[in-house]
Protein backbone atom coordinates (compact mmCIF):
# COMPACT_ATOMS: atom_id res chain seq x y z
CA MET A 1 93.84 -13.16 110.11
CA GLU A 2 90.26 -14.30 110.62
CA ASN A 3 90.96 -17.45 108.64
CA ASN A 4 93.65 -18.56 111.10
CA ASP A 5 91.33 -17.91 114.04
CA LEU A 6 88.56 -19.94 112.45
CA ILE A 7 90.88 -22.86 111.64
CA SER A 8 92.35 -22.76 115.15
CA GLN A 9 88.89 -22.83 116.70
CA GLY A 10 87.87 -25.69 114.41
CA LEU A 11 90.94 -27.73 115.35
CA THR A 12 90.39 -27.04 119.05
CA LEU A 13 86.76 -28.13 118.78
CA MET A 14 87.80 -31.27 116.89
CA VAL A 15 90.42 -32.23 119.50
CA PHE A 16 88.00 -31.71 122.39
CA GLY A 17 85.23 -33.62 120.60
CA MET A 18 87.44 -36.57 119.72
CA GLY A 19 88.92 -36.56 123.24
CA PHE A 20 85.45 -36.63 124.78
CA VAL A 21 84.37 -39.53 122.54
CA PHE A 22 87.57 -41.45 123.34
CA ILE A 23 87.13 -40.96 127.09
CA PHE A 24 83.44 -41.92 126.90
CA LEU A 25 84.14 -45.11 124.95
CA THR A 26 86.97 -46.04 127.31
CA LEU A 27 84.67 -45.61 130.30
CA LEU A 28 81.96 -47.60 128.52
CA VAL A 29 84.32 -50.54 127.94
CA GLY A 30 85.53 -50.38 131.56
CA VAL A 31 82.02 -50.29 133.02
CA THR A 32 80.91 -53.12 130.74
CA ASN A 33 83.84 -55.28 131.84
CA LEU A 34 83.14 -54.45 135.50
CA MET A 35 79.48 -55.43 135.09
CA SER A 36 80.51 -58.67 133.43
CA VAL A 37 82.80 -59.53 136.35
CA LEU A 38 80.12 -58.66 138.91
CA VAL A 39 77.42 -60.68 137.14
CA THR A 40 79.59 -63.78 136.81
CA ARG A 41 80.67 -63.52 140.46
CA TYR A 42 77.29 -62.93 142.09
CA LEU A 43 74.96 -64.62 139.59
CA PRO A 44 76.71 -67.79 138.43
CA GLU A 45 75.12 -69.91 135.76
CA PRO A 46 72.92 -72.68 137.17
CA GLU A 47 74.33 -76.15 136.97
CA VAL A 48 73.01 -78.12 134.05
CA VAL A 49 71.62 -81.48 135.07
CA PRO A 50 72.16 -84.00 132.30
CA ALA A 51 68.91 -85.35 130.98
CA ALA A 52 68.19 -89.04 130.87
CA PRO A 53 69.49 -90.59 127.68
CA ARG A 54 66.86 -90.73 124.99
CA ARG A 55 65.99 -93.92 123.28
CA ALA A 56 66.64 -94.00 119.58
CA ALA A 57 63.61 -93.83 117.35
CA PRO A 58 62.71 -97.22 115.94
CA ALA A 59 64.01 -97.70 112.44
CA ALA A 60 61.54 -98.27 109.66
CA THR A 61 61.71 -101.99 109.04
CA ASP A 62 59.28 -102.21 106.19
CA GLU A 63 60.71 -100.02 103.43
CA ALA A 64 57.98 -101.02 101.01
CA GLN A 65 55.32 -99.67 103.36
CA LEU A 66 57.29 -96.45 103.83
CA LEU A 67 57.63 -96.03 100.08
CA ALA A 68 53.86 -96.59 99.66
CA VAL A 69 53.04 -93.95 102.28
CA ILE A 70 55.37 -91.40 100.69
CA SER A 71 53.98 -92.13 97.23
CA ALA A 72 50.41 -91.70 98.48
CA ALA A 73 51.30 -88.38 100.13
CA VAL A 74 52.94 -87.07 96.94
CA HIS A 75 49.97 -88.19 94.85
CA GLN A 76 47.52 -86.51 97.23
CA TYR A 77 49.57 -83.28 97.21
CA ARG A 78 49.64 -83.22 93.40
CA GLN A 79 45.89 -83.81 93.25
CA ARG A 80 45.17 -80.88 95.56
CA HIS A 81 47.60 -78.43 93.92
CA ARG A 82 46.79 -78.85 90.23
CA LYS A 83 46.59 -75.70 88.19
């Protein structure tokens, strides 16, 4: 007889606990949605002013010079990091 009482109490506690969690999470979702609506209504995002168009970076016209600079940088790196 005690076993049935204990199982009944356990099931009752489980139903109340799960019900409380469900109600809490439902209220949490509702309040979050309400806050989202209020924030978007009373604090709209500022208008974005388009920036002036940027000029393109000048292209490297002298590829030989670029290759020489890169080669010198690699050589200097290897000289400094020898084991």
